Every structure is written in structure tokens, then in C-alpha cells.
Full PDB file with SEQRES, HELIX, SHEET, SSBOND, CRYST1, ORIGX, SCALE, CONECT and MASTER records, all heavy atoms in Angstrom:
SEQRES   1 A   41  ASN THR LYS GLU SER PHE ASN ASP VAL SER SER PHE GLN          
SEQRES   2 A   41  SER LYS VAL ALA HIS ASN LYS GLY PRO GLY LYS ALA ARG          
SEQRES   3 A   41  LYS GLY GLY LYS LYS ALA LEU ASN LYS ARG PRO GLY LYS          
SEQRES   4 A   41  ARG ALA                                                      
HELIX    1 AA1 LYS A    3  ASN A    7  1                                   5    
HELIX    2 AA2 ALA A   17  ASN A   19  5                                   3    
HELIX    3 AA3 LYS A   24  LYS A   27  1                                   4    
HELIX    4 AA4 LYS A   30  LEU A   33  1                                   4    
CRYST1    1.000    1.000    1.000  90.00  90.00  90.00 P 1           1          
ORIGX1      1.000000  0.000000  0.000000        0.00000                         
ORIGX2      0.000000  1.000000  0.000000        0.00000                         
ORIGX3      0.000000  0.000000  1.000000        0.00000                         
SCALE1      1.000000  0.000000  0.000000        0.00000                         
SCALE2      0.000000  1.000000  0.000000        0.00000                         
SCALE3      0.000000  0.000000  1.000000        0.00000                         
ATOM      1  N   ASN A   1     116.709 119.945 104.671  1.00  0.00           N  
ATOM      2  CA  ASN A   1     116.268 120.893 103.643  1.00  0.00           C  
ATOM      3  C   ASN A   1     116.718 122.306 103.996  1.00  0.00           C  
ATOM      4  O   ASN A   1     116.774 122.678 105.183  1.00  0.00           O  
ATOM      5  CB  ASN A   1     114.748 120.871 103.499  1.00  0.00           C  
ATOM      6  CG  ASN A   1     114.282 119.639 102.742  1.00  0.00           C  
ATOM      7  OD1 ASN A   1     115.011 119.103 101.925  1.00  0.00           O  
ATOM      8  ND2 ASN A   1     113.065 119.172 103.053  1.00  0.00           N  
ATOM      9  N   THR A   2     117.007 123.003 102.957  1.00  0.00           N  
ATOM     10  CA  THR A   2     117.290 124.425 103.110  1.00  0.00           C  
ATOM     11  C   THR A   2     116.202 125.229 102.426  1.00  0.00           C  
ATOM     12  O   THR A   2     115.282 124.692 101.798  1.00  0.00           O  
ATOM     13  CB  THR A   2     118.665 124.768 102.502  1.00  0.00           C  
ATOM     14  OG1 THR A   2     118.647 124.428 101.099  1.00  0.00           O  
ATOM     15  CG2 THR A   2     119.788 123.970 103.189  1.00  0.00           C  
ATOM     16  N   LYS A   3     116.268 126.533 102.538  1.00  0.00           N  
ATOM     17  CA  LYS A   3     115.259 127.400 101.921  1.00  0.00           C  
ATOM     18  C   LYS A   3     115.270 127.254 100.403  1.00  0.00           C  
ATOM     19  O   LYS A   3     114.214 127.189  99.756  1.00  0.00           O  
ATOM     20  CB  LYS A   3     115.539 128.854 102.330  1.00  0.00           C  
ATOM     21  CG  LYS A   3     114.472 129.827 101.864  1.00  0.00           C  
ATOM     22  CD  LYS A   3     114.787 131.218 102.377  1.00  0.00           C  
ATOM     23  CE  LYS A   3     113.681 132.191 101.913  1.00  0.00           C  
ATOM     24  NZ  LYS A   3     113.957 133.572 102.391  1.00  0.00           N  
ATOM     25  N   GLU A   4     116.449 127.125  99.833  1.00  0.00           N  
ATOM     26  CA  GLU A   4     116.550 126.988  98.394  1.00  0.00           C  
ATOM     27  C   GLU A   4     116.015 125.644  97.921  1.00  0.00           C  
ATOM     28  O   GLU A   4     115.284 125.547  96.918  1.00  0.00           O  
ATOM     29  CB  GLU A   4     118.012 127.138  97.955  1.00  0.00           C  
ATOM     30  CG  GLU A   4     118.567 128.557  98.088  1.00  0.00           C  
ATOM     31  CD  GLU A   4     118.938 128.876  99.502  1.00  0.00           C  
ATOM     32  OE1 GLU A   4     118.934 127.944 100.342  1.00  0.00           O  
ATOM     33  OE2 GLU A   4     119.230 130.069  99.802  1.00  0.00           O  
ATOM     34  N   SER A   5     116.375 124.550  98.671  1.00  0.00           N  
ATOM     35  CA  SER A   5     115.869 123.225  98.249  1.00  0.00           C  
ATOM     36  C   SER A   5     114.375 123.092  98.468  1.00  0.00           C  
ATOM     37  O   SER A   5     113.676 122.381  97.716  1.00  0.00           O  
ATOM     38  CB  SER A   5     116.631 122.146  99.047  1.00  0.00           C  
ATOM     39  OG  SER A   5     116.305 122.231 100.410  1.00  0.00           O  
ATOM     40  N   PHE A   6     113.811 123.794  99.435  1.00  0.00           N  
ATOM     41  CA  PHE A   6     112.367 123.735  99.684  1.00  0.00           C  
ATOM     42  C   PHE A   6     111.580 124.446  98.578  1.00  0.00           C  
ATOM     43  O   PHE A   6     110.524 123.981  98.139  1.00  0.00           O  
ATOM     44  CB  PHE A   6     112.048 124.367 101.043  1.00  0.00           C  
ATOM     45  CG  PHE A   6     110.604 124.375 101.396  1.00  0.00           C  
ATOM     46  CD1 PHE A   6     109.969 123.229 101.815  1.00  0.00           C  
ATOM     47  CD2 PHE A   6     109.854 125.561 101.275  1.00  0.00           C  
ATOM     48  CE1 PHE A   6     108.616 123.245 102.130  1.00  0.00           C  
ATOM     49  CE2 PHE A   6     108.512 125.576 101.581  1.00  0.00           C  
ATOM     50  CZ  PHE A   6     107.882 124.418 102.024  1.00  0.00           C  
ATOM     51  N   ASN A   7     112.118 125.545  98.100  1.00  0.00           N  
ATOM     52  CA  ASN A   7     111.444 126.283  97.045  1.00  0.00           C  
ATOM     53  C   ASN A   7     111.679 125.720  95.654  1.00  0.00           C  
ATOM     54  O   ASN A   7     110.983 126.067  94.717  1.00  0.00           O  
ATOM     55  CB  ASN A   7     111.891 127.755  97.084  1.00  0.00           C  
ATOM     56  CG  ASN A   7     111.436 128.441  98.366  1.00  0.00           C  
ATOM     57  OD1 ASN A   7     110.373 128.135  98.884  1.00  0.00           O  
ATOM     58  ND2 ASN A   7     112.237 129.398  98.825  1.00  0.00           N  
ATOM     59  N   ASP A   8     112.672 124.818  95.509  1.00  0.00           N  
ATOM     60  CA  ASP A   8     112.964 124.246  94.210  1.00  0.00           C  
ATOM     61  C   ASP A   8     112.019 123.066  93.936  1.00  0.00           C  
ATOM     62  O   ASP A   8     112.108 122.035  94.599  1.00  0.00           O  
ATOM     63  CB  ASP A   8     114.421 123.802  94.163  1.00  0.00           C  
ATOM     64  CG  ASP A   8     114.833 123.324  92.770  1.00  0.00           C  
ATOM     65  OD1 ASP A   8     114.057 123.584  91.816  1.00  0.00           O  
ATOM     66  OD2 ASP A   8     115.923 122.697  92.673  1.00  0.00           O  
ATOM     67  N   VAL A   9     111.090 123.226  92.954  1.00  0.00           N  
ATOM     68  CA  VAL A   9     110.132 122.174  92.601  1.00  0.00           C  
ATOM     69  C   VAL A   9     110.315 121.722  91.155  1.00  0.00           C  
ATOM     70  O   VAL A   9     109.385 121.200  90.532  1.00  0.00           O  
ATOM     71  CB  VAL A   9     108.672 122.677  92.826  1.00  0.00           C  
ATOM     72  CG1 VAL A   9     108.401 122.901  94.275  1.00  0.00           C  
ATOM     73  CG2 VAL A   9     108.412 123.969  92.035  1.00  0.00           C  
ATOM     74  N   SER A  10     111.493 121.925  90.624  1.00  0.00           N  
ATOM     75  CA  SER A  10     111.718 121.578  89.195  1.00  0.00           C  
ATOM     76  C   SER A  10     111.692 120.063  88.990  1.00  0.00           C  
ATOM     77  O   SER A  10     111.334 119.616  87.898  1.00  0.00           O  
ATOM     78  CB  SER A  10     113.067 122.164  88.761  1.00  0.00           C  
ATOM     79  OG  SER A  10     114.109 121.635  89.589  1.00  0.00           O  
ATOM     80  N   SER A  11     112.081 119.289  89.975  1.00  0.00           N  
ATOM     81  CA  SER A  11     112.095 117.847  89.800  1.00  0.00           C  
ATOM     82  C   SER A  11     110.793 117.166  90.188  1.00  0.00           C  
ATOM     83  O   SER A  11     110.709 115.932  90.203  1.00  0.00           O  
ATOM     84  CB  SER A  11     113.245 117.250  90.635  1.00  0.00           C  
ATOM     85  OG  SER A  11     113.043 117.548  92.014  1.00  0.00           O  
ATOM     86  N   PHE A  12     109.755 117.943  90.540  1.00  0.00           N  
ATOM     87  CA  PHE A  12     108.462 117.358  90.953  1.00  0.00           C  
ATOM     88  C   PHE A  12     107.707 116.846  89.733  1.00  0.00           C  
ATOM     89  O   PHE A  12     107.606 117.560  88.724  1.00  0.00           O  
ATOM     90  CB  PHE A  12     107.645 118.400  91.682  1.00  0.00           C  
ATOM     91  CG  PHE A  12     106.293 117.919  92.106  1.00  0.00           C  
ATOM     92  CD1 PHE A  12     106.154 117.036  93.150  1.00  0.00           C  
ATOM     93  CD2 PHE A  12     105.137 118.320  91.418  1.00  0.00           C  
ATOM     94  CE1 PHE A  12     104.898 116.580  93.538  1.00  0.00           C  
ATOM     95  CE2 PHE A  12     103.909 117.853  91.805  1.00  0.00           C  
ATOM     96  CZ  PHE A  12     103.787 116.994  92.865  1.00  0.00           C  
ATOM     97  N   GLN A  13     107.167 115.623  89.770  1.00  0.00           N  
ATOM     98  CA  GLN A  13     106.376 115.013  88.693  1.00  0.00           C  
ATOM     99  C   GLN A  13     105.042 114.603  89.311  1.00  0.00           C  
ATOM    100  O   GLN A  13     104.984 113.708  90.155  1.00  0.00           O  
ATOM    101  CB  GLN A  13     107.103 113.792  88.103  1.00  0.00           C  
ATOM    102  CG  GLN A  13     108.421 114.171  87.425  1.00  0.00           C  
ATOM    103  CD  GLN A  13     109.123 112.954  86.871  1.00  0.00           C  
ATOM    104  OE1 GLN A  13     108.561 111.840  86.909  1.00  0.00           O  
ATOM    105  NE2 GLN A  13     110.323 113.152  86.359  1.00  0.00           N  
ATOM    106  N   SER A  14     103.980 115.213  88.840  1.00  0.00           N  
ATOM    107  CA  SER A  14     102.664 114.951  89.402  1.00  0.00           C  
ATOM    108  C   SER A  14     102.123 113.581  89.031  1.00  0.00           C  
ATOM    109  O   SER A  14     101.337 112.999  89.768  1.00  0.00           O  
ATOM    110  CB  SER A  14     101.666 116.013  88.902  1.00  0.00           C  
ATOM    111  OG  SER A  14     101.584 115.988  87.478  1.00  0.00           O  
ATOM    112  N   LYS A  15     102.569 113.001  87.894  1.00  0.00           N  
ATOM    113  CA  LYS A  15     102.054 111.704  87.473  1.00  0.00           C  
ATOM    114  C   LYS A  15     102.530 110.579  88.397  1.00  0.00           C  
ATOM    115  O   LYS A  15     101.788 109.608  88.627  1.00  0.00           O  
ATOM    116  CB  LYS A  15     102.501 111.418  86.048  1.00  0.00           C  
ATOM    117  CG  LYS A  15     101.849 112.335  85.025  1.00  0.00           C  
ATOM    118  CD  LYS A  15     102.326 111.962  83.626  1.00  0.00           C  
ATOM    119  CE  LYS A  15     101.661 112.876  82.580  1.00  0.00           C  
ATOM    120  NZ  LYS A  15     102.083 112.538  81.215  1.00  0.00           N  
ATOM    121  N   VAL A  16     103.746 110.688  88.912  1.00  0.00           N  
ATOM    122  CA  VAL A  16     104.268 109.622  89.725  1.00  0.00           C  
ATOM    123  C   VAL A  16     104.241 109.941  91.212  1.00  0.00           C  
ATOM    124  O   VAL A  16     104.681 109.163  92.039  1.00  0.00           O  
ATOM    125  CB  VAL A  16     105.718 109.291  89.315  1.00  0.00           C  
ATOM    126  CG1 VAL A  16     105.754 108.776  87.890  1.00  0.00           C  
ATOM    127  CG2 VAL A  16     106.627 110.501  89.494  1.00  0.00           C  
ATOM    128  N   ALA A  17     103.710 111.137  91.570  1.00  0.00           N  
ATOM    129  CA  ALA A  17     103.659 111.522  92.981  1.00  0.00           C  
ATOM    130  C   ALA A  17     102.593 110.749  93.713  1.00  0.00           C  
ATOM    131  O   ALA A  17     101.527 110.481  93.166  1.00  0.00           O  
ATOM    132  CB  ALA A  17     103.382 113.031  93.088  1.00  0.00           C  
ATOM    133  N   HIS A  18     102.849 110.361  94.916  1.00  0.00           N  
ATOM    134  CA  HIS A  18     101.928 109.662  95.811  1.00  0.00           C  
ATOM    135  C   HIS A  18     101.460 108.360  95.220  1.00  0.00           C  
ATOM    136  O   HIS A  18     100.293 107.958  95.426  1.00  0.00           O  
ATOM    137  CB  HIS A  18     100.736 110.561  96.150  1.00  0.00           C  
ATOM    138  CG  HIS A  18     101.112 111.872  96.749  1.00  0.00           C  
ATOM    139  ND1 HIS A  18     101.706 112.001  97.962  1.00  0.00           N  
ATOM    140  CD2 HIS A  18     100.997 113.159  96.253  1.00  0.00           C  
ATOM    141  CE1 HIS A  18     101.935 113.291  98.219  1.00  0.00           C  
ATOM    142  NE2 HIS A  18     101.525 114.006  97.179  1.00  0.00           N  
ATOM    143  N   ASN A  19     102.286 107.676  94.465  1.00  0.00           N  
ATOM    144  CA  ASN A  19     101.966 106.360  93.878  1.00  0.00           C  
ATOM    145  C   ASN A  19     100.694 106.370  93.051  1.00  0.00           C  
ATOM    146  O   ASN A  19      99.908 105.424  93.056  1.00  0.00           O  
ATOM    147  CB  ASN A  19     101.814 105.300  95.001  1.00  0.00           C  
ATOM    148  CG  ASN A  19     103.118 105.067  95.731  1.00  0.00           C  
ATOM    149  OD1 ASN A  19     104.165 105.129  95.115  1.00  0.00           O  
ATOM    150  ND2 ASN A  19     103.022 104.800  97.045  1.00  0.00           N  
ATOM    151  N   LYS A  20     100.473 107.469  92.298  1.00  0.00           N  
ATOM    152  CA  LYS A  20      99.277 107.564  91.450  1.00  0.00           C  
ATOM    153  C   LYS A  20      99.582 107.358  89.987  1.00  0.00           C  
ATOM    154  O   LYS A  20      98.697 107.482  89.129  1.00  0.00           O  
ATOM    155  CB  LYS A  20      98.624 108.936  91.627  1.00  0.00           C  
ATOM    156  CG  LYS A  20      98.015 109.144  93.000  1.00  0.00           C  
ATOM    157  CD  LYS A  20      97.354 110.483  93.105  1.00  0.00           C  
ATOM    158  CE  LYS A  20      96.709 110.683  94.487  1.00  0.00           C  
ATOM    159  NZ  LYS A  20      96.068 111.995  94.606  1.00  0.00           N  
ATOM    160  N   GLY A  21     100.757 107.067  89.648  1.00  0.00           N  
ATOM    161  CA  GLY A  21     101.123 106.897  88.242  1.00  0.00           C  
ATOM    162  C   GLY A  21     100.637 105.573  87.700  1.00  0.00           C  
ATOM    163  O   GLY A  21     100.174 104.689  88.437  1.00  0.00           O  
ATOM    164  N   PRO A  22     100.736 105.350  86.390  1.00  0.00           N  
ATOM    165  CA  PRO A  22     100.320 104.071  85.790  1.00  0.00           C  
ATOM    166  C   PRO A  22     101.186 102.927  86.258  1.00  0.00           C  
ATOM    167  O   PRO A  22     102.407 102.993  86.196  1.00  0.00           O  
ATOM    168  CB  PRO A  22     100.454 104.327  84.293  1.00  0.00           C  
ATOM    169  CG  PRO A  22     101.434 105.433  84.179  1.00  0.00           C  
ATOM    170  CD  PRO A  22     101.250 106.289  85.391  1.00  0.00           C  
ATOM    171  N   GLY A  23     100.567 101.843  86.684  1.00  0.00           N  
ATOM    172  CA  GLY A  23     101.314 100.664  87.120  1.00  0.00           C  
ATOM    173  C   GLY A  23     101.770 100.746  88.540  1.00  0.00           C  
ATOM    174  O   GLY A  23     102.328  99.781  89.072  1.00  0.00           O  
ATOM    175  N   LYS A  24     101.586 101.850  89.233  1.00  0.00           N  
ATOM    176  CA  LYS A  24     102.061 101.993  90.609  1.00  0.00           C  
ATOM    177  C   LYS A  24     101.186 101.222  91.561  1.00  0.00           C  
ATOM    178  O   LYS A  24     101.621 100.726  92.586  1.00  0.00           O  
ATOM    179  CB  LYS A  24     102.106 103.481  91.012  1.00  0.00           C  
ATOM    180  CG  LYS A  24     103.168 104.281  90.293  1.00  0.00           C  
ATOM    181  CD  LYS A  24     104.559 103.819  90.692  1.00  0.00           C  
ATOM    182  CE  LYS A  24     105.621 104.623  89.977  1.00  0.00           C  
ATOM    183  NZ  LYS A  24     106.966 104.166  90.347  1.00  0.00           N  
ATOM    184  N   ALA A  25      99.851 101.135  91.212  1.00  0.00           N  
ATOM    185  CA  ALA A  25      98.968 100.393  92.116  1.00  0.00           C  
ATOM    186  C   ALA A  25      99.308  98.920  92.130  1.00  0.00           C  
ATOM    187  O   ALA A  25      99.139  98.246  93.125  1.00  0.00           O  
ATOM    188  CB  ALA A  25      97.505 100.609  91.691  1.00  0.00           C  
ATOM    189  N   ARG A  26      99.831  98.455  91.001  1.00  0.00           N  
ATOM    190  CA  ARG A  26     100.159  97.040  90.935  1.00  0.00           C  
ATOM    191  C   ARG A  26     101.512  96.752  91.560  1.00  0.00           C  
ATOM    192  O   ARG A  26     101.728  95.751  92.233  1.00  0.00           O  
ATOM    193  CB  ARG A  26     100.114  96.593  89.485  1.00  0.00           C  
ATOM    194  CG  ARG A  26     100.343  95.083  89.294  1.00  0.00           C  
ATOM    195  CD  ARG A  26     100.184  94.692  87.843  1.00  0.00           C  
ATOM    196  NE  ARG A  26     101.190  95.294  86.975  1.00  0.00           N  
ATOM    197  CZ  ARG A  26     100.912  96.270  86.123  1.00  0.00           C  
ATOM    198  NH1 ARG A  26      99.691  96.772  86.035  1.00  0.00           N  
ATOM    199  NH2 ARG A  26     101.868  96.786  85.378  1.00  0.00           N  
ATOM    200  N   LYS A  27     102.444  97.645  91.303  1.00  0.00           N  
ATOM    201  CA  LYS A  27     103.817  97.386  91.753  1.00  0.00           C  
ATOM    202  C   LYS A  27     104.109  97.937  93.139  1.00  0.00           C  
ATOM    203  O   LYS A  27     104.565  97.229  94.017  1.00  0.00           O  
ATOM    204  CB  LYS A  27     104.806  97.994  90.750  1.00  0.00           C  
ATOM    205  CG  LYS A  27     104.807  97.264  89.421  1.00  0.00           C  
ATOM    206  CD  LYS A  27     105.830  97.862  88.490  1.00  0.00           C  
ATOM    207  CE  LYS A  27     105.821  97.172  87.135  1.00  0.00           C  
ATOM    208  NZ  LYS A  27     106.802  97.764  86.220  1.00  0.00           N  
ATOM    209  N   GLY A  28     103.816  99.227  93.317  1.00  0.00           N  
ATOM    210  CA  GLY A  28     104.205  99.846  94.590  1.00  0.00           C  
ATOM    211  C   GLY A  28     103.076 100.481  95.306  1.00  0.00           C  
ATOM    212  O   GLY A  28     103.284 101.380  96.126  1.00  0.00           O  
ATOM    213  N   GLY A  29     101.803 100.111  94.988  1.00  0.00           N  
ATOM    214  CA  GLY A  29     100.647 100.735  95.601  1.00  0.00           C  
ATOM    215  C   GLY A  29     100.405 100.222  96.999  1.00  0.00           C  
ATOM    216  O   GLY A  29     101.166  99.445  97.554  1.00  0.00           O  
ATOM    217  N   LYS A  30      99.230 100.663  97.533  1.00  0.00           N  
ATOM    218  CA  LYS A  30      98.889 100.308  98.911  1.00  0.00           C  
ATOM    219  C   LYS A  30      98.576  98.845  99.015  1.00  0.00           C  
ATOM    220  O   LYS A  30      98.925  98.173  99.995  1.00  0.00           O  
ATOM    221  CB  LYS A  30      97.733 101.164  99.369  1.00  0.00           C  
ATOM    222  CG  LYS A  30      97.419 101.033 100.850  1.00  0.00           C  
ATOM    223  CD  LYS A  30      96.341 102.020 101.243  1.00  0.00           C  
ATOM    224  CE  LYS A  30      96.065 101.884 102.733  1.00  0.00           C  
ATOM    225  NZ  LYS A  30      94.986 102.828 103.167  1.00  0.00           N  
ATOM    226  N   LYS A  31      97.876  98.302  97.954  1.00  0.00           N  
ATOM    227  CA  LYS A  31      97.501  96.900  97.994  1.00  0.00           C  
ATOM    228  C   LYS A  31      98.732  96.000  97.914  1.00  0.00           C  
ATOM    229  O   LYS A  31      98.802  94.952  98.508  1.00  0.00           O  
ATOM    230  CB  LYS A  31      96.536  96.568  96.851  1.00  0.00           C  
ATOM    231  CG  LYS A  31      95.182  97.214  97.027  1.00  0.00           C  
ATOM    232  CD  LYS A  31      94.247  96.839  95.895  1.00  0.00           C  
ATOM    233  CE  LYS A  31      92.888  97.502  96.056  1.00  0.00           C  
ATOM    234  NZ  LYS A  31      91.971  97.147  94.931  1.00  0.00           N  
ATOM    235  N   ALA A  32      99.644  96.444  97.127  1.00  0.00           N  
ATOM    236  CA  ALA A  32     100.869  95.641  96.995  1.00  0.00           C  
ATOM    237  C   ALA A  32     101.687  95.654  98.292  1.00  0.00           C  
ATOM    238  O   ALA A  32     102.332  94.662  98.613  1.00  0.00           O  
ATOM    239  CB  ALA A  32     101.709  96.137  95.818  1.00  0.00           C  
ATOM    240  N   LEU A  33     101.669  96.780  98.984  1.00  0.00           N  
ATOM    241  CA  LEU A  33     102.443  96.864 100.218  1.00  0.00           C  
ATOM    242  C   LEU A  33     101.815  96.056 101.341  1.00  0.00           C  
ATOM    243  O   LEU A  33     102.508  95.460 102.165  1.00  0.00           O  
ATOM    244  CB  LEU A  33     102.575  98.343 100.669  1.00  0.00           C  
ATOM    245  CG  LEU A  33     103.409  99.225  99.735  1.00  0.00           C  
ATOM    246  CD1 LEU A  33     103.318 100.678 100.193  1.00  0.00           C  
ATOM    247  CD2 LEU A  33     104.858  98.760  99.723  1.00  0.00           C  
ATOM    248  N   ASN A  34     100.437  95.935 101.392  1.00  0.00           N  
ATOM    249  CA  ASN A  34      99.765  95.222 102.465  1.00  0.00           C  
ATOM    250  C   ASN A  34      99.667  93.743 102.069  1.00  0.00           C  
ATOM    251  O   ASN A  34      98.679  93.307 101.484  1.00  0.00           O  
ATOM    252  CB  ASN A  34      98.382  95.817 102.695  1.00  0.00           C  
ATOM    253  CG  ASN A  34      97.724  95.286 103.960  1.00  0.00           C  
ATOM    254  OD1 ASN A  34      98.375  94.569 104.712  1.00  0.00           O  
ATOM    255  ND2 ASN A  34      96.471  95.641 104.189  1.00  0.00           N  
ATOM    256  N   LYS A  35     100.690  92.979 102.355  1.00  0.00           N  
ATOM    257  CA  LYS A  35     100.747  91.595 101.980  1.00  0.00           C  
ATOM    258  C   LYS A  35     100.137  90.674 103.022  1.00  0.00           C  
ATOM    259  O   LYS A  35      99.968  89.497 102.796  1.00  0.00           O  
ATOM    260  CB  LYS A  35     102.198  91.184 101.738  1.00  0.00           C  
ATOM    261  CG  LYS A  35     102.804  91.890 100.565  1.00  0.00           C  
ATOM    262  CD  LYS A  35     104.237  91.452 100.332  1.00  0.00           C  
ATOM    263  CE  LYS A  35     104.882  92.163  99.183  1.00  0.00           C  
ATOM    264  NZ  LYS A  35     106.283  91.736  98.943  1.00  0.00           N  
ATOM    265  N   ARG A  36      99.793  91.154 104.233  1.00  0.00           N  
ATOM    266  CA  ARG A  36      99.268  90.319 105.283  1.00  0.00           C  
ATOM    267  C   ARG A  36      97.774  90.031 104.998  1.00  0.00           C  
ATOM    268  O   ARG A  36      97.020  90.935 104.715  1.00  0.00           O  
ATOM    269  CB  ARG A  36      99.414  91.043 106.619  1.00  0.00           C  
ATOM    270  CG  ARG A  36      99.011  90.186 107.804  1.00  0.00           C  
ATOM    271  CD  ARG A  36      99.104  90.986 109.057  1.00  0.00           C  
ATOM    272  NE  ARG A  36      98.723  90.203 110.236  1.00  0.00           N  
ATOM    273  CZ  ARG A  36      98.506  90.709 111.414  1.00  0.00           C  
ATOM    274  NH1 ARG A  36      98.615  92.011 111.629  1.00  0.00           N  
ATOM    275  NH2 ARG A  36      98.162  89.910 112.440  1.00  0.00           N  
ATOM    276  N   PRO A  37      97.335  88.753 105.106  1.00  0.00           N  
ATOM    277  CA  PRO A  37      95.909  88.436 104.870  1.00  0.00           C  
ATOM    278  C   PRO A  37      95.023  89.027 105.981  1.00  0.00           C  
ATOM    279  O   PRO A  37      95.502  89.345 107.074  1.00  0.00           O  
ATOM    280  CB  PRO A  37      95.871  86.905 104.891  1.00  0.00           C  
ATOM    281  CG  PRO A  37      97.073  86.510 105.659  1.00  0.00           C  
ATOM    282  CD  PRO A  37      98.114  87.541 105.370  1.00  0.00           C  
ATOM    283  N   GLY A  38      93.715  89.132 105.679  1.00  0.00           N  
ATOM    284  CA  GLY A  38      92.778  89.728 106.626  1.00  0.00           C  
ATOM    285  C   GLY A  38      92.486  88.801 107.797  1.00  0.00           C  
ATOM    286  O   GLY A  38      92.941  87.651 107.849  1.00  0.00           O  
ATOM    287  N   LYS A  39      91.675  89.339 108.718  1.00  0.00           N  
ATOM    288  CA  LYS A  39      91.393  88.589 109.934  1.00  0.00           C  
ATOM    289  C   LYS A  39      90.565  87.365 109.627  1.00  0.00           C  
ATOM    290  O   LYS A  39      90.780  86.272 110.158  1.00  0.00           O  
ATOM    291  CB  LYS A  39      90.667  89.505 110.909  1.00  0.00           C  
ATOM    292  CG  LYS A  39      90.396  88.860 112.266  1.00  0.00           C  
ATOM    293  CD  LYS A  39      89.782  89.865 113.213  1.00  0.00           C  
ATOM    294  CE  LYS A  39      89.532  89.217 114.566  1.00  0.00           C  
ATOM    295  NZ  LYS A  39      88.898  90.175 115.507  1.00  0.00           N  
ATOM    296  N   ARG A  40      89.564  87.517 108.759  1.00  0.00           N  
ATOM    297  CA  ARG A  40      88.709  86.377 108.425  1.00  0.00           C  
ATOM    298  C   ARG A  40      89.496  85.294 107.705  1.00  0.00           C  
ATOM    299  O   ARG A  40      89.330  84.086 107.967  1.00  0.00           O  
ATOM    300  CB  ARG A  40      87.544  86.844 107.556  1.00  0.00           C  
ATOM    301  CG  ARG A  40      86.428  85.822 107.414  1.00  0.00           C  
ATOM    302  CD  ARG A  40      85.244  86.423 106.749  1.00  0.00           C  
ATOM    303  NE  ARG A  40      84.616  87.405 107.634  1.00  0.00           N  
ATOM    304  CZ  ARG A  40      83.532  88.144 107.269  1.00  0.00           C  
ATOM    305  NH1 ARG A  40      83.049  88.046 106.064  1.00  0.00           N  
ATOM    306  NH2 ARG A  40      83.018  89.002 108.114  1.00  0.00           N  
ATOM    307  N   ALA A  41      90.378  85.706 106.833  1.00  0.00           N  
ATOM    308  CA  ALA A  41      91.211  84.705 106.112  1.00  0.00           C  
ATOM    309  C   ALA A  41      92.150  83.985 107.073  1.00  0.00           C  
ATOM    310  O   ALA A  41      92.378  82.774 106.973  1.00  0.00           O  
ATOM    311  CB  ALA A  41      92.010  85.397 105.038  1.00  0.00           C  
TER     312      ALA A  41                                                      
MASTER        0    0    0    4    0    0    0    6  311    1    0    4          
END                                                                             
């Protein structure tokens, strides 16, 4: 990153940031990423 690229936030989208957008929890959320079963299972 440079100073110009750090200050440029034009491409930032708050709806899809941090996997909070619609459908992200199902497709790319934390639950979807953790595919390993629990200890009790």
C-alpha cells in the first residue's frame, strides 16, 4: 500500500464488508468456513 491507496476508500462497500452482506453467512460466513465437527460429535 501507498499513501494514496490507503486514503482511497471509493471502492469500499459496507454491505459486503466483513462477510455481513446478505447470503454471506450461508456461503462464505464463519459457519460455512468451520466444516470440522465438534468434539462431542
